[in-house]
C-alpha atoms as a PDB file:
ATOM      1  CA  MET A   1      64.329 -10.936 -38.194  1.00  0.00           C
ATOM      2  CA  LYS A   2      65.405  -7.822 -36.288  1.00  0.00           C
ATOM      3  CA  LYS A   3      64.287  -5.718 -39.224  1.00  0.00           C
ATOM      4  CA  PHE A   4      60.891  -7.424 -39.135  1.00  0.00           C
ATOM      5  CA  TYR A   5      60.434  -6.700 -35.413  1.00  0.00           C
ATOM      6  CA  ALA A   6      61.544  -3.112 -35.934  1.00  0.00           C
ATOM      7  CA  LEU A   7      58.935  -2.632 -38.655  1.00  0.00           C
ATOM      8  CA  LEU A   8      56.313  -4.279 -36.442  1.00  0.00           C
ATOM      9  CA  VAL A   9      57.085  -1.888 -33.586  1.00  0.00           C
ATOM     10  CA  VAL A  10      56.842   1.091 -35.945  1.00  0.00           C
ATOM     11  CA  PHE A  11      53.500  -0.154 -37.247  1.00  0.00           C
ATOM     12  CA  ILE A  12      52.131  -0.579 -33.704  1.00  0.00           C
ATOM     13  CA  LEU A  13      53.298   2.901 -32.722  1.00  0.00           C
ATOM     14  CA  LEU A  14      51.683   4.422 -35.805  1.00  0.00           C
ATOM     15  CA  ALA A  15      48.414   2.620 -35.119  1.00  0.00           C
ATOM     16  CA  TYR A  16      48.477   3.812 -31.507  1.00  0.00           C
ATOM     17  CA  ALA A  17      49.219   7.380 -32.597  1.00  0.00           C
ATOM     18  CA  CYS A  18      46.309   7.320 -35.049  1.00  0.00           C
ATOM     19  CA  LYS A  19      43.995   6.085 -32.320  1.00  0.00           C
ATOM     20  CA  ILE A  20      45.093   8.865 -29.970  1.00  0.00           C
ATOM     21  CA  TYR A  21      44.586  11.424 -32.763  1.00  0.00           C
ATOM     22  CA  GLU A  22      41.073  10.148 -33.397  1.00  0.00           C
ATOM     23  CA  GLU A  23      40.220  10.343 -29.706  1.00  0.00           C
ATOM     24  CA  GLU A  24      41.626  13.840 -29.320  1.00  0.00           C
ATOM     25  CA  HIS A  25      40.015  15.228 -32.470  1.00  0.00           C
ATOM     26  CA  PHE A  26      36.700  13.357 -32.231  1.00  0.00           C
ATOM     27  CA  ILE A  27      36.958  11.746 -35.663  1.00  0.00           C
ATOM     28  CA  LEU A  28      33.571  10.078 -35.724  1.00  0.00           C
ATOM     29  CA  PRO A  29      30.945   9.615 -38.423  1.00  0.00           C
ATOM     30  CA  ALA A  30      29.681  13.113 -39.185  1.00  0.00           C
ATOM     31  CA  SER A  31      26.279  14.299 -38.036  1.00  0.00           C
ATOM     32  CA  GLY A  32      24.190  16.421 -40.392  1.00  0.00           C
ATOM     33  CA  VAL A  33      22.556  19.654 -39.260  1.00  0.00           C
ATOM     34  CA  VAL A  34      19.752  21.553 -40.988  1.00  0.00           C
ATOM     35  CA  ILE A  35      19.115  25.108 -39.755  1.00  0.00           C
ATOM     36  CA  ASP A  36      16.093  27.212 -40.608  1.00  0.00           C
ATOM     37  CA  ILE A  37      14.841  30.511 -39.238  1.00  0.00           C
ATOM     38  CA  GLN A  38      11.555  32.236 -38.524  1.00  0.00           C
ATOM     39  CA  SER A  39      10.429  35.592 -37.174  1.00  0.00           C
ATOM     40  CA  THR A  40       7.847  35.842 -34.404  1.00  0.00           C
ATOM     41  CA  GLY A  41       6.659  39.058 -32.784  1.00  0.00           C
ATOM     42  CA  LEU A  42       8.556  41.591 -34.881  1.00  0.00           C
ATOM     43  CA  GLU A  43       7.776  45.055 -33.502  1.00  0.00           C
ATOM     44  CA  SER A  44       8.039  48.598 -34.833  1.00  0.00           C
ATOM     45  CA  LYS A  45       8.476  51.869 -32.973  1.00  0.00           C
ATOM     46  CA  ASP A  46       7.362  55.086 -34.626  1.00  0.00           C
ATOM     47  CA  ILE A  47       8.940  58.520 -34.400  1.00  0.00           C
ATOM     48  CA  ARG A  48       6.814  59.329 -31.316  1.00  0.00           C
ATOM     49  CA  GLY A  49       8.103  56.280 -29.475  1.00  0.00           C
ATOM     50  CA  ASN A  50       4.892  54.287 -29.791  1.00  0.00           C
ATOM     51  CA  THR A  51       5.441  50.534 -30.114  1.00  0.00           C
ATOM     52  CA  ARG A  52       3.362  48.551 -32.592  1.00  0.00           C
ATOM     53  CA  GLN A  53       2.972  44.835 -33.133  1.00  0.00           C
ATOM     54  CA  ALA A  54       2.350  45.293 -36.844  1.00  0.00           C
ATOM     55  CA  PHE A  55       3.809  47.216 -39.767  1.00  0.00           C
ATOM     56  CA  LEU A  56       0.873  49.137 -41.164  1.00  0.00           C
ATOM     57  CA  ASP A  57       2.802  50.866 -43.947  1.00  0.00           C
ATOM     58  CA  PHE A  58       5.340  48.178 -44.903  1.00  0.00           C
ATOM     59  CA  ASP A  59       5.034  44.876 -46.716  1.00  0.00           C
ATOM     60  CA  SER A  60       8.640  43.690 -46.332  1.00  0.00           C
ATOM     61  CA  VAL A  61      11.612  43.990 -43.986  1.00  0.00           C
ATOM     62  CA  LEU A  62      14.559  42.613 -45.967  1.00  0.00           C
ATOM     63  CA  ILE A  63      17.947  41.791 -44.428  1.00  0.00           C
ATOM     64  CA  ASN A  64      21.053  40.132 -45.881  1.00  0.00           C
ATOM     65  CA  ILE A  65      22.527  37.198 -43.962  1.00  0.00           C
ATOM     66  CA  ILE A  66      26.261  36.501 -44.150  1.00  0.00           C
ATOM     67  CA  SER A  67      26.583  33.408 -41.949  1.00  0.00           C
ATOM     68  CA  PHE A  68      25.433  31.558 -38.868  1.00  0.00           C
ATOM     69  CA  GLN A  69      27.983  30.633 -36.213  1.00  0.00           C
ATOM     70  CA  LEU A  70      27.760  28.211 -33.328  1.00  0.00           C
ATOM     71  CA  SER A  71      30.139  26.047 -31.325  1.00  0.00           C
ATOM     72  CA  VAL A  72      30.131  22.287 -30.828  1.00  0.00           C
ATOM     73  CA  SER A  73      32.402  21.023 -28.039  1.00  0.00           C
ATOM     74  CA  GLY A  74      34.386  24.256 -28.119  1.00  0.00           C
ATOM     75  CA  ASP A  75      34.960  24.359 -31.891  1.00  0.00           C
ATOM     76  CA  THR A  76      33.304  27.299 -33.673  1.00  0.00           C
ATOM     77  CA  LEU A  77      31.497  26.380 -36.879  1.00  0.00           C
ATOM     78  CA  TYR A  78      31.407  29.157 -39.460  1.00  0.00           C
ATOM     79  CA  TYR A  79      29.397  28.453 -42.581  1.00  0.00           C
ATOM     80  CA  PRO A  80      29.173  31.468 -44.935  1.00  0.00           C
ATOM     81  CA  LEU A  81      26.084  32.047 -47.057  1.00  0.00           C
ATOM     82  CA  GLU A  82      25.921  33.704 -50.459  1.00  0.00           C
ATOM     83  CA  ASN A  83      23.153  36.054 -51.561  1.00  0.00           C
ATOM     84  CA  LYS A  84      20.889  35.051 -48.681  1.00  0.00           C
ATOM     85  CA  LYS A  85      18.211  37.689 -48.188  1.00  0.00           C
ATOM     86  CA  ILE A  86      15.191  37.027 -45.986  1.00  0.00           C
ATOM     87  CA  ASP A  87      11.986  38.967 -45.449  1.00  0.00           C
ATOM     88  CA  LEU A  88      11.166  39.207 -41.744  1.00  0.00           C
ATOM     89  CA  LEU A  89       7.491  39.837 -42.546  1.00  0.00           C
ATOM     90  CA  SER A  90       6.922  37.153 -45.173  1.00  0.00           C
ATOM     91  CA  PHE A  91       8.658  33.822 -44.677  1.00  0.00           C
ATOM     92  CA  VAL A  92       8.477  30.919 -47.076  1.00  0.00           C
ATOM     93  CA  SER A  93       9.987  27.820 -45.473  1.00  0.00           C
ATOM     94  CA  LYS A  94      12.205  26.872 -48.419  1.00  0.00           C
ATOM     95  CA  ASP A  95      13.690  30.383 -48.393  1.00  0.00           C
ATOM     96  CA  THR A  96      14.630  30.300 -44.720  1.00  0.00           C
ATOM     97  CA  VAL A  97      16.950  27.276 -44.674  1.00  0.00           C
ATOM     98  CA  LEU A  98      20.407  28.522 -43.693  1.00  0.00           C
ATOM     99  CA  TRP A  99      22.208  25.163 -43.451  1.00  0.00           C
ATOM    100  CA  ASN A 100      21.173  22.036 -45.330  1.00  0.00           C
ATOM    101  CA  GLU A 101      22.722  18.914 -43.768  1.00  0.00           C
ATOM    102  CA  VAL A 102      26.011  20.612 -42.963  1.00  0.00           C
ATOM    103  CA  PRO A 103      28.342  17.964 -41.445  1.00  0.00           C
ATOM    104  CA  VAL A 104      29.360  18.650 -37.847  1.00  0.00           C
ATOM    105  CA  LYS A 105      31.176  16.603 -35.243  1.00  0.00           C
ATOM    106  CA  SER A 106      29.336  15.076 -32.327  1.00  0.00           C
ATOM    107  CA  GLY A 107      29.449  16.732 -28.945  1.00  0.00           C
ATOM    108  CA  LYS A 108      27.833  19.431 -26.873  1.00  0.00           C
ATOM    109  CA  LEU A 109      26.205  22.361 -28.610  1.00  0.00           C
ATOM    110  CA  ASP A 110      27.009  25.756 -27.129  1.00  0.00           C
ATOM    111  CA  ARG A 111      24.082  27.741 -25.716  1.00  0.00           C
ATOM    112  CA  LYS A 112      24.741  30.768 -27.926  1.00  0.00           C
ATOM    113  CA  GLY A 113      24.544  31.147 -31.696  1.00  0.00           C
ATOM    114  CA  ILE A 114      25.192  34.275 -33.758  1.00  0.00           C
ATOM    115  CA  LEU A 115      23.480  35.235 -36.991  1.00  0.00           C
ATOM    116  CA  GLU A 116      25.853  37.516 -38.894  1.00  0.00           C
ATOM    117  CA  VAL A 117      24.143  40.075 -41.118  1.00  0.00           C
ATOM    118  CA  GLU A 118      25.274  42.856 -43.427  1.00  0.00           C
ATOM    119  CA  LEU A 119      25.166  46.330 -41.936  1.00  0.00           C
ATOM    120  CA  GLY A 120      24.214  47.790 -45.309  1.00  0.00           C
ATOM    121  CA  ASN A 121      22.028  46.817 -48.262  1.00  0.00           C
ATOM    122  CA  ASN A 122      18.991  46.156 -46.054  1.00  0.00           C
ATOM    123  CA  TYR A 123      15.702  47.922 -46.590  1.00  0.00           C
ATOM    124  CA  LEU A 124      11.975  48.227 -45.957  1.00  0.00           C
ATOM    125  CA  VAL A 125       9.399  48.075 -48.747  1.00  0.00           C
ATOM    126  CA  ASP A 126       6.084  49.894 -48.385  1.00  0.00           C
ATOM    127  CA  VAL A 127       2.717  48.947 -49.881  1.00  0.00           C
ATOM    128  CA  ASN A 128       3.550  50.873 -53.067  1.00  0.00           C
ATOM    129  CA  GLY A 129       6.856  49.071 -53.611  1.00  0.00           C
ATOM    130  CA  VAL A 130       9.010  52.027 -52.506  1.00  0.00           C
ATOM    131  CA  LYS A 131      12.239  51.023 -50.738  1.00  0.00           C
ATOM    132  CA  TYR A 132      13.608  52.696 -47.600  1.00  0.00           C
ATOM    133  CA  PRO A 133      17.156  52.034 -46.329  1.00  0.00           C
ATOM    134  CA  LEU A 134      17.302  50.009 -43.109  1.00  0.00           C
ATOM    135  CA  ARG A 135      20.325  50.431 -40.856  1.00  0.00           C
ATOM    136  CA  LEU A 136      21.368  47.611 -38.529  1.00  0.00           C
ATOM    137  CA  GLU A 137      22.859  48.658 -35.208  1.00  0.00           C
ATOM    138  CA  LYS A 138      25.216  45.662 -35.061  1.00  0.00           C
ATOM    139  CA  SER A 139      26.283  42.881 -37.401  1.00  0.00           C
ATOM    140  CA  GLY A 140      25.562  39.990 -35.012  1.00  0.00           C
ATOM    141  CA  LEU A 141      22.076  38.930 -33.867  1.00  0.00           C
ATOM    142  CA  ASP A 142      22.148  36.625 -30.835  1.00  0.00           C
ATOM    143  CA  PHE A 143      20.253  33.389 -30.204  1.00  0.00           C
ATOM    144  CA  LEU A 144      20.170  31.319 -27.003  1.00  0.00           C
ATOM    145  CA  LEU A 145      19.558  27.554 -26.874  1.00  0.00           C
ATOM    146  CA  PHE A 146      16.377  26.393 -25.125  1.00  0.00           C
ATOM    147  CA  SER A 147      16.572  22.635 -25.676  1.00  0.00           C
ATOM    148  CA  LYS A 148      18.878  19.634 -25.401  1.00  0.00           C
ATOM    149  CA  THR A 149      22.535  20.261 -26.164  1.00  0.00           C
ATOM    150  CA  GLN A 150      23.993  16.897 -27.187  1.00  0.00           C
ATOM    151  CA  ILE A 151      24.697  16.011 -30.835  1.00  0.00           C
ATOM    152  CA  GLU A 152      25.185  12.270 -31.292  1.00  0.00           C
ATOM    153  CA  PRO A 153      27.409  10.759 -34.018  1.00  0.00           C
ATOM    154  CA  SER A 154      25.867   9.552 -37.292  1.00  0.00           C
ATOM    155  CA  SER A 155      22.631  11.424 -36.606  1.00  0.00           C
ATOM    156  CA  LYS A 156      20.687  14.207 -38.276  1.00  0.00           C
ATOM    157  CA  TYR A 157      19.403  17.241 -36.441  1.00  0.00           C
ATOM    158  CA  GLY A 158      17.464  20.374 -37.130  1.00  0.00           C
ATOM    159  CA  ILE A 159      18.039  23.703 -35.438  1.00  0.00           C
ATOM    160  CA  LYS A 160      15.142  26.134 -35.396  1.00  0.00           C
ATOM    161  CA  LEU A 161      16.014  29.802 -34.988  1.00  0.00           C
ATOM    162  CA  ASP A 162      13.200  32.092 -33.901  1.00  0.00           C
ATOM    163  CA  PHE A 163      13.638  35.806 -33.230  1.00  0.00           C
ATOM    164  CA  MET A 164      10.821  35.550 -30.635  1.00  0.00           C
ATOM    165  CA  HIS A 165       9.967  39.233 -30.076  1.00  0.00           C
ATOM    166  CA  SER A 166      13.632  40.241 -29.855  1.00  0.00           C
ATOM    167  CA  LEU A 167      13.705  42.429 -32.991  1.00  0.00           C
ATOM    168  CA  GLN A 168      12.440  45.970 -33.346  1.00  0.00           C
ATOM    169  CA  VAL A 169      12.395  48.413 -36.262  1.00  0.00           C
ATOM    170  CA  THR A 170      12.662  52.031 -35.110  1.00  0.00           C
ATOM    171  CA  GLU A 171      11.689  55.127 -37.078  1.00  0.00           C
ATOM    172  CA  ASN A 172      14.298  57.822 -36.452  1.00  0.00           C
ATOM    173  CA  LYS A 173      13.757  61.583 -36.331  1.00  0.00           C
ATOM    174  CA  ASP A 174      15.694  62.099 -39.564  1.00  0.00           C
ATOM    175  CA  GLY A 175      13.254  59.859 -41.432  1.00  0.00           C
ATOM    176  CA  THR A 176      15.541  56.809 -41.508  1.00  0.00           C
ATOM    177  CA  TYR A 177      14.878  53.370 -40.014  1.00  0.00           C
ATOM    178  CA  SER A 178      17.048  51.067 -37.921  1.00  0.00           C
ATOM    179  CA  LEU A 179      16.784  47.421 -36.860  1.00  0.00           C
ATOM    180  CA  SER A 180      18.105  46.090 -33.563  1.00  0.00           C
ATOM    181  CA  GLN A 181      17.551  43.512 -30.867  1.00  0.00           C
ATOM    182  CA  LYS A 182      15.884  44.878 -27.762  1.00  0.00           C
ATOM    183  CA  LYS A 183      17.884  45.961 -24.745  1.00  0.00           C
ATOM    184  CA  LYS A 184      15.182  44.831 -22.294  1.00  0.00           C
ATOM    185  CA  GLN A 185      12.902  41.804 -21.932  1.00  0.00           C
ATOM    186  CA  TYR A 186      13.346  39.727 -25.106  1.00  0.00           C
ATOM    187  CA  GLN A 187      16.996  40.524 -25.841  1.00  0.00           C
ATOM    188  CA  ASN A 188      17.862  37.324 -27.743  1.00  0.00           C
ATOM    189  CA  GLY A 189      16.229  35.043 -30.237  1.00  0.00           C
ATOM    190  CA  MET A 190      15.584  31.403 -29.315  1.00  0.00           C
ATOM    191  CA  MET A 191      17.372  28.340 -30.686  1.00  0.00           C
ATOM    192  CA  PHE A 192      16.005  24.780 -30.526  1.00  0.00           C
ATOM    193  CA  LEU A 193      17.850  21.531 -31.356  1.00  0.00           C
ATOM    194  CA  TYR A 194      15.732  18.524 -32.355  1.00  0.00           C
ATOM    195  CA  PRO A 195      16.442  15.147 -34.037  1.00  0.00           C
ATOM    196  CA  LEU A 196      15.391  14.563 -37.635  1.00  0.00           C
ATOM    197  CA  SER A 197      13.861  11.186 -38.457  1.00  0.00           C
ATOM    198  CA  THR A 198      15.430   9.136 -41.235  1.00  0.00           C
ATOM    199  CA  ARG A 199      13.254   7.585 -43.921  1.00  0.00           C
ATOM    200  CA  THR A 200      13.720   4.152 -42.366  1.00  0.00           C
ATOM    201  CA  GLU A 201      12.490   5.419 -38.995  1.00  0.00           C
ATOM    202  CA  GLU A 202       9.554   7.174 -40.616  1.00  0.00           C
ATOM    203  CA  LYS A 203       8.508   3.974 -42.455  1.00  0.00           C
ATOM    204  CA  GLY A 204       8.665   2.056 -39.190  1.00  0.00           C
ATOM    205  CA  ARG A 205       5.993   4.266 -37.663  1.00  0.00           C
ATOM    206  CA  PHE A 206       3.259   3.081 -40.010  1.00  0.00           C
END
């Protein structure tokens, strides 16, 4: 009988410990997050310092993305991407999805996200198909959240990234080109969190 009670006590302690672990580590049904990106208001600055809203001589601005990082309740999520190249002048929606239902824990989304890009192997393409190397001034492009912050358990969300006039391509005196986020006015891209409807919810609307 004593052995039985001893085993019972051990079982209760283990169950209690598991409960505490779940509470401390937020073990809840995972939420899925889809992240896509778009470019609005990309500017260029010529060798004379004149700013343009359009790229008259270029058809493509191609950059290589390594990952997107953001924090949920203090935990940084790092999801690397392979062979992800995007054209800042010509987006096709299916080509701009960075995360596709990546599981995350519930909690509060941090206000800042970072798009990590390669410093090399980026280039411009002119109307004749000629490539020009494009240098990035830093490997991290910043986004700030302009929406709700809470991610609920067992839910699906989308995160829209928009550069929103924060990027500028500069023509340098040596004939090279560089890409950077502005140091004044629009210094960061914008990030928006929104719920995704499930098929059941969508059917219920009709």
